[in-house]
Amino acid sequence: GGTTEHTHGITSTLLSTLAIRSGEIRDSLLLRRAERDVRARLEAEAGDGVTAARTG
């Protein structure tokens, strides 16, 4: 609170905000990677089904 604000000023607030925002960006990047991996897996499985239907 008040005593920290007086001794550290806006730097403390900015660092806290930076840490939170960095975490949000990391989460977003990891989610995008997971979505991309799932999409690729589904497309590969769909492709296998098409190949199996053609050869079966």
N, C-alpha and C. Protein backbone atom coordinates (compact mmCIF):
# COMPACT_ATOMS: atom_id res chain seq x y z
N GLY A 1 0.65 -1.15 0.00
CA GLY A 1 0.00 0.00 0.00
C GLY A 1 0.73 1.29 0.00
N GLY A 2 0.31 2.12 0.95
CA GLY A 2 0.75 3.51 0.97
C GLY A 2 2.23 3.69 1.20
N THR A 3 2.82 2.91 2.12
CA THR A 3 4.25 3.10 2.40
C THR A 3 5.10 2.61 1.23
N THR A 4 4.70 1.55 0.58
CA THR A 4 5.44 1.06 -0.58
C THR A 4 5.37 2.06 -1.72
N GLU A 5 4.19 2.62 -1.93
CA GLU A 5 4.03 3.62 -2.99
C GLU A 5 4.97 4.79 -2.78
N HIS A 6 5.08 5.22 -1.53
CA HIS A 6 5.92 6.37 -1.23
C HIS A 6 7.40 6.07 -1.50
N THR A 7 7.85 4.86 -1.16
CA THR A 7 9.27 4.54 -1.31
C THR A 7 9.63 4.03 -2.70
N HIS A 8 8.70 3.37 -3.37
CA HIS A 8 9.02 2.77 -4.67
C HIS A 8 8.31 3.44 -5.84
N GLY A 9 7.30 4.21 -5.57
CA GLY A 9 6.61 4.95 -6.62
C GLY A 9 5.93 4.06 -7.64
N ILE A 10 5.87 4.57 -8.83
CA ILE A 10 5.14 3.88 -9.90
C ILE A 10 5.88 2.64 -10.39
N THR A 11 7.18 2.55 -10.14
CA THR A 11 7.97 1.40 -10.61
C THR A 11 7.38 0.09 -10.12
N SER A 12 7.02 0.05 -8.85
CA SER A 12 6.45 -1.16 -8.28
C SER A 12 5.16 -1.54 -8.99
N THR A 13 4.31 -0.58 -9.26
CA THR A 13 3.06 -0.84 -9.96
C THR A 13 3.31 -1.32 -11.39
N LEU A 14 4.24 -0.68 -12.07
CA LEU A 14 4.54 -1.07 -13.45
C LEU A 14 5.12 -2.47 -13.53
N LEU A 15 5.98 -2.82 -12.59
CA LEU A 15 6.56 -4.16 -12.58
C LEU A 15 5.49 -5.21 -12.32
N SER A 16 4.56 -4.91 -11.42
CA SER A 16 3.47 -5.82 -11.14
C SER A 16 2.60 -6.01 -12.38
N THR A 17 2.28 -4.92 -13.03
CA THR A 17 1.47 -4.98 -14.26
C THR A 17 2.21 -5.75 -15.34
N LEU A 18 3.49 -5.53 -15.46
CA LEU A 18 4.30 -6.22 -16.46
C LEU A 18 4.30 -7.73 -16.21
N ALA A 19 4.42 -8.12 -14.95
CA ALA A 19 4.42 -9.54 -14.62
C ALA A 19 3.08 -10.18 -14.98
N ILE A 20 2.00 -9.50 -14.66
CA ILE A 20 0.67 -10.03 -14.97
C ILE A 20 0.48 -10.14 -16.48
N ARG A 21 0.82 -9.09 -17.19
CA ARG A 21 0.66 -9.08 -18.65
C ARG A 21 1.54 -10.13 -19.31
N SER A 22 2.74 -10.31 -18.80
CA SER A 22 3.64 -11.34 -19.34
C SER A 22 3.02 -12.72 -19.20
N GLY A 23 2.41 -12.97 -18.05
CA GLY A 23 1.73 -14.24 -17.83
C GLY A 23 0.57 -14.44 -18.80
N GLU A 24 -0.17 -13.39 -19.05
CA GLU A 24 -1.29 -13.47 -19.99
C GLU A 24 -0.81 -13.75 -21.40
N ILE A 25 0.28 -13.12 -21.80
CA ILE A 25 0.84 -13.35 -23.13
C ILE A 25 1.34 -14.79 -23.25
N ARG A 26 2.04 -15.26 -22.21
CA ARG A 26 2.53 -16.65 -22.22
C ARG A 26 1.36 -17.62 -22.36
N ASP A 27 0.30 -17.41 -21.58
CA ASP A 27 -0.87 -18.29 -21.64
C ASP A 27 -1.48 -18.30 -23.04
N SER A 28 -1.55 -17.13 -23.65
CA SER A 28 -2.11 -17.02 -24.99
C SER A 28 -1.27 -17.79 -26.01
N LEU A 29 0.04 -17.64 -25.90
CA LEU A 29 0.94 -18.35 -26.83
C LEU A 29 0.84 -19.86 -26.66
N LEU A 30 0.78 -20.32 -25.41
CA LEU A 30 0.67 -21.76 -25.16
C LEU A 30 -0.66 -22.30 -25.68
N LEU A 31 -1.73 -21.54 -25.51
CA LEU A 31 -3.04 -21.96 -26.00
C LEU A 31 -3.03 -22.05 -27.53
N ARG A 32 -2.45 -21.07 -28.18
CA ARG A 32 -2.37 -21.11 -29.65
C ARG A 32 -1.59 -22.32 -30.12
N ARG A 33 -0.49 -22.62 -29.43
CA ARG A 33 0.32 -23.78 -29.81
C ARG A 33 -0.49 -25.06 -29.66
N ALA A 34 -1.20 -25.18 -28.54
CA ALA A 34 -2.01 -26.37 -28.30
C ALA A 34 -3.11 -26.50 -29.35
N GLU A 35 -3.76 -25.40 -29.69
CA GLU A 35 -4.81 -25.43 -30.72
C GLU A 35 -4.23 -25.85 -32.06
N ARG A 36 -3.06 -25.33 -32.40
CA ARG A 36 -2.42 -25.67 -33.67
C ARG A 36 -2.08 -27.17 -33.70
N ASP A 37 -1.57 -27.69 -32.57
CA ASP A 37 -1.21 -29.10 -32.51
C ASP A 37 -2.44 -29.99 -32.65
N VAL A 38 -3.53 -29.60 -31.99
CA VAL A 38 -4.77 -30.38 -32.09
C VAL A 38 -5.30 -30.35 -33.52
N ARG A 39 -5.29 -29.18 -34.13
CA ARG A 39 -5.77 -29.04 -35.51
C ARG A 39 -4.94 -29.93 -36.45
N ALA A 40 -3.63 -29.90 -36.28
CA ALA A 40 -2.75 -30.72 -37.13
C ALA A 40 -3.03 -32.20 -36.93
N ARG A 41 -3.26 -32.59 -35.68
CA ARG A 41 -3.54 -34.00 -35.39
C ARG A 41 -4.86 -34.42 -36.03
N LEU A 42 -5.88 -33.57 -35.91
CA LEU A 42 -7.18 -33.89 -36.50
C LEU A 42 -7.09 -33.97 -38.02
N GLU A 43 -6.35 -33.06 -38.63
CA GLU A 43 -6.19 -33.08 -40.08
C GLU A 43 -5.44 -34.34 -40.52
N ALA A 44 -4.45 -34.74 -39.74
CA ALA A 44 -3.69 -35.96 -40.07
C ALA A 44 -4.59 -37.18 -39.96
N GLU A 45 -5.42 -37.22 -38.92
CA GLU A 45 -6.34 -38.35 -38.75
C GLU A 45 -7.37 -38.38 -39.87
N ALA A 46 -7.86 -37.21 -40.25
CA ALA A 46 -8.83 -37.14 -41.35
C ALA A 46 -8.18 -37.60 -42.65
N GLY A 47 -6.94 -37.23 -42.85
CA GLY A 47 -6.20 -37.66 -44.04
C GLY A 47 -6.01 -39.16 -44.06
N ASP A 48 -5.74 -39.76 -42.89
CA ASP A 48 -5.59 -41.21 -42.80
C ASP A 48 -6.89 -41.91 -43.16
N GLY A 49 -8.01 -41.34 -42.76
CA GLY A 49 -9.31 -41.91 -43.09
C GLY A 49 -9.58 -41.89 -44.58
N VAL A 50 -9.18 -40.82 -45.23
CA VAL A 50 -9.36 -40.70 -46.68
C VAL A 50 -8.49 -41.73 -47.39
N THR A 51 -7.24 -41.86 -46.94
CA THR A 51 -6.32 -42.82 -47.53
C THR A 51 -6.84 -44.24 -47.34
N ALA A 52 -7.33 -44.55 -46.15
CA ALA A 52 -7.84 -45.89 -45.86
C ALA A 52 -9.06 -46.19 -46.73
N ALA A 53 -9.93 -45.21 -46.94
CA ALA A 53 -11.13 -45.41 -47.76
C ALA A 53 -10.74 -45.68 -49.22
N ARG A 54 -9.71 -45.01 -49.69
CA ARG A 54 -9.28 -45.18 -51.09
C ARG A 54 -8.64 -46.55 -51.31
N THR A 55 -7.87 -47.02 -50.31
CA THR A 55 -7.14 -48.28 -50.48
C THR A 55 -7.96 -49.48 -50.02
N GLY A 56 -9.03 -49.24 -49.24
CA GLY A 56 -9.81 -50.33 -48.65
C GLY A 56 -10.79 -50.87 -49.53
